[in-house]
Amino acid sequence: MTSDRIDKLRRMLESEPDDAFCLYALAQEYSKAGRHDEALGWFDRVIAVEPGHGYAYFHKARTLEAAGRVDEARSVLKQALGVVSPQTDPKAVRELQEYLQSIAP
């Protein structure tokens, strides 16, 4: 199923390559499939298009952690907390903070 969803999302991006929703969905699909490096590239594209997308940072960190790259995951979370606005997305900021605390050394 993931492969079908990836194909559909890629086709959708052909007409709108900077669609943050599709980029994020693709990143999630690659992450679910265990294709961490590909997922990370898509999360980076989401962040480039929408720098305040808190959940792109959150799930990028999750993907890094799943790939055994915990130090990088911490760095991503710290970066997110410097970019994501607590005024516009307090829930994401709270979840980013809690996640960072849960993987603190």
C-alpha atoms as a PDB file:
ATOM      1  CA  MET A   1       0.000   0.000   0.000  1.00  0.00           C
ATOM      2  CA  THR A   2       2.781   2.440   0.840  1.00  0.00           C
ATOM      3  CA  SER A   3       4.254   2.120  -2.648  1.00  0.00           C
ATOM      4  CA  ASP A   4       0.889   2.965  -4.210  1.00  0.00           C
ATOM      5  CA  ARG A   5       0.503   5.981  -1.939  1.00  0.00           C
ATOM      6  CA  ILE A   6       4.030   7.145  -2.750  1.00  0.00           C
ATOM      7  CA  ASP A   7       3.293   6.895  -6.476  1.00  0.00           C
ATOM      8  CA  LYS A   8       0.040   8.855  -6.102  1.00  0.00           C
ATOM      9  CA  LEU A   9       1.665  11.564  -4.012  1.00  0.00           C
ATOM     10  CA  ARG A  10       4.548  11.916  -6.469  1.00  0.00           C
ATOM     11  CA  ARG A  11       2.050  12.360  -9.311  1.00  0.00           C
ATOM     12  CA  MET A  12       0.218  15.013  -7.302  1.00  0.00           C
ATOM     13  CA  LEU A  13       3.485  16.884  -6.798  1.00  0.00           C
ATOM     14  CA  GLU A  14       4.066  17.085 -10.537  1.00  0.00           C
ATOM     15  CA  SER A  15       1.444  19.806 -10.806  1.00  0.00           C
ATOM     16  CA  GLU A  16       2.361  21.565  -7.556  1.00  0.00           C
ATOM     17  CA  PRO A  17       5.966  20.729  -6.537  1.00  0.00           C
ATOM     18  CA  ASP A  18       5.963  22.967  -3.455  1.00  0.00           C
ATOM     19  CA  ASP A  19       2.775  21.585  -1.898  1.00  0.00           C
ATOM     20  CA  ALA A  20       3.828  21.221   1.739  1.00  0.00           C
ATOM     21  CA  PHE A  21       0.998  18.781   2.450  1.00  0.00           C
ATOM     22  CA  CYS A  22       2.081  16.376  -0.310  1.00  0.00           C
ATOM     23  CA  LEU A  23       5.750  16.742   0.576  1.00  0.00           C
ATOM     24  CA  TYR A  24       4.969  15.962   4.225  1.00  0.00           C
ATOM     25  CA  ALA A  25       2.775  13.011   3.275  1.00  0.00           C
ATOM     26  CA  LEU A  26       5.553  11.614   1.079  1.00  0.00           C
ATOM     27  CA  ALA A  27       8.073  11.982   3.884  1.00  0.00           C
ATOM     28  CA  GLN A  28       5.718  10.135   6.219  1.00  0.00           C
ATOM     29  CA  GLU A  29       5.196   7.307   3.728  1.00  0.00           C
ATOM     30  CA  TYR A  30       8.924   6.841   3.196  1.00  0.00           C
ATOM     31  CA  SER A  31       9.472   6.886   6.946  1.00  0.00           C
ATOM     32  CA  LYS A  32       6.758   4.259   7.507  1.00  0.00           C
ATOM     33  CA  ALA A  33       8.432   2.107   4.877  1.00  0.00           C
ATOM     34  CA  GLY A  34      11.740   2.331   6.755  1.00  0.00           C
ATOM     35  CA  ARG A  35      13.330   4.285   3.901  1.00  0.00           C
ATOM     36  CA  HIS A  36      14.886   6.760   6.300  1.00  0.00           C
ATOM     37  CA  ASP A  37      17.281   8.612   3.987  1.00  0.00           C
ATOM     38  CA  GLU A  38      14.535   9.243   1.457  1.00  0.00           C
ATOM     39  CA  ALA A  39      12.153  10.344   4.193  1.00  0.00           C
ATOM     40  CA  LEU A  40      14.720  12.782   5.546  1.00  0.00           C
ATOM     41  CA  GLY A  41      15.117  14.358   2.122  1.00  0.00           C
ATOM     42  CA  TRP A  42      11.364  14.900   1.871  1.00  0.00           C
ATOM     43  CA  PHE A  43      11.155  16.328   5.397  1.00  0.00           C
ATOM     44  CA  ASP A  44      13.917  18.753   4.391  1.00  0.00           C
ATOM     45  CA  ARG A  45      11.848  19.823   1.390  1.00  0.00           C
ATOM     46  CA  VAL A  46       8.831  20.465   3.631  1.00  0.00           C
ATOM     47  CA  ILE A  47      10.976  22.588   5.933  1.00  0.00           C
ATOM     48  CA  ALA A  48      12.414  24.519   2.977  1.00  0.00           C
ATOM     49  CA  VAL A  49       8.909  25.299   1.698  1.00  0.00           C
ATOM     50  CA  GLU A  50       7.349  25.915   5.118  1.00  0.00           C
ATOM     51  CA  PRO A  51      10.070  26.650   7.714  1.00  0.00           C
ATOM     52  CA  GLY A  52       7.598  26.817  10.613  1.00  0.00           C
ATOM     53  CA  HIS A  53       6.121  23.342   9.994  1.00  0.00           C
ATOM     54  CA  GLY A  54       6.625  21.961  13.492  1.00  0.00           C
ATOM     55  CA  TYR A  55       5.564  18.425  12.699  1.00  0.00           C
ATOM     56  CA  ALA A  56       8.007  18.142   9.809  1.00  0.00           C
ATOM     57  CA  TYR A  57      10.796  18.753  12.315  1.00  0.00           C
ATOM     58  CA  PHE A  58       9.174  16.415  14.843  1.00  0.00           C
ATOM     59  CA  HIS A  59       8.889  13.521  12.415  1.00  0.00           C
ATOM     60  CA  LYS A  60      12.277  14.214  10.879  1.00  0.00           C
ATOM     61  CA  ALA A  61      13.679  13.767  14.385  1.00  0.00           C
ATOM     62  CA  ARG A  62      11.656  10.551  14.821  1.00  0.00           C
ATOM     63  CA  THR A  63      13.052   9.246  11.551  1.00  0.00           C
ATOM     64  CA  LEU A  64      16.595  10.104  12.611  1.00  0.00           C
ATOM     65  CA  GLU A  65      16.038   8.359  15.935  1.00  0.00           C
ATOM     66  CA  ALA A  66      14.660   5.278  14.148  1.00  0.00           C
ATOM     67  CA  ALA A  67      17.823   5.267  12.023  1.00  0.00           C
ATOM     68  CA  GLY A  68      19.950   5.297  15.184  1.00  0.00           C
ATOM     69  CA  ARG A  69      20.997   8.934  14.731  1.00  0.00           C
ATOM     70  CA  VAL A  70      19.845  10.274  18.097  1.00  0.00           C
ATOM     71  CA  ASP A  71      22.330  13.156  18.315  1.00  0.00           C
ATOM     72  CA  GLU A  72      21.084  14.456  14.972  1.00  0.00           C
ATOM     73  CA  ALA A  73      17.491  14.044  16.159  1.00  0.00           C
ATOM     74  CA  ARG A  74      18.266  16.237  19.170  1.00  0.00           C
ATOM     75  CA  SER A  75      19.811  18.859  16.891  1.00  0.00           C
ATOM     76  CA  VAL A  76      16.728  18.911  14.682  1.00  0.00           C
ATOM     77  CA  LEU A  77      14.470  19.366  17.698  1.00  0.00           C
ATOM     78  CA  LYS A  78      16.601  22.229  19.009  1.00  0.00           C
ATOM     79  CA  GLN A  79      16.559  23.822  15.569  1.00  0.00           C
ATOM     80  CA  ALA A  80      12.763  23.485  15.463  1.00  0.00           C
ATOM     81  CA  LEU A  81      12.350  25.151  18.827  1.00  0.00           C
ATOM     82  CA  GLY A  82      14.230  28.157  17.457  1.00  0.00           C
ATOM     83  CA  VAL A  83      11.952  28.396  14.429  1.00  0.00           C
ATOM     84  CA  VAL A  84       8.460  27.169  15.303  1.00  0.00           C
ATOM     85  CA  SER A  85       6.429  29.913  16.936  1.00  0.00           C
ATOM     86  CA  PRO A  86       4.752  29.157  20.265  1.00  0.00           C
ATOM     87  CA  GLN A  87       2.172  31.819  19.401  1.00  0.00           C
ATOM     88  CA  THR A  88       1.064  30.176  16.150  1.00  0.00           C
ATOM     89  CA  ASP A  89       1.576  26.503  17.052  1.00  0.00           C
ATOM     90  CA  PRO A  90       1.785  26.019  20.832  1.00  0.00           C
ATOM     91  CA  LYS A  91       0.848  22.332  20.612  1.00  0.00           C
ATOM     92  CA  ALA A  92       3.720  21.546  18.232  1.00  0.00           C
ATOM     93  CA  VAL A  93       6.171  23.496  20.398  1.00  0.00           C
ATOM     94  CA  ARG A  94       5.040  21.587  23.493  1.00  0.00           C
ATOM     95  CA  GLU A  95       5.410  18.245  21.697  1.00  0.00           C
ATOM     96  CA  LEU A  96       8.843  19.219  20.355  1.00  0.00           C
ATOM     97  CA  GLN A  97       9.962  20.158  23.878  1.00  0.00           C
ATOM     98  CA  GLU A  98       8.606  16.932  25.374  1.00  0.00           C
ATOM     99  CA  TYR A  99      10.246  14.842  22.680  1.00  0.00           C
ATOM    100  CA  LEU A 100      13.586  16.592  23.173  1.00  0.00           C
ATOM    101  CA  GLN A 101      13.369  15.965  26.922  1.00  0.00           C
ATOM    102  CA  SER A 102      12.586  12.300  26.330  1.00  0.00           C
ATOM    103  CA  ILE A 103      15.776  11.763  24.308  1.00  0.00           C
ATOM    104  CA  ALA A 104      18.040  14.080  26.295  1.00  0.00           C
ATOM    105  CA  PRO A 105      21.357  12.476  27.206  1.00  0.00           C
END
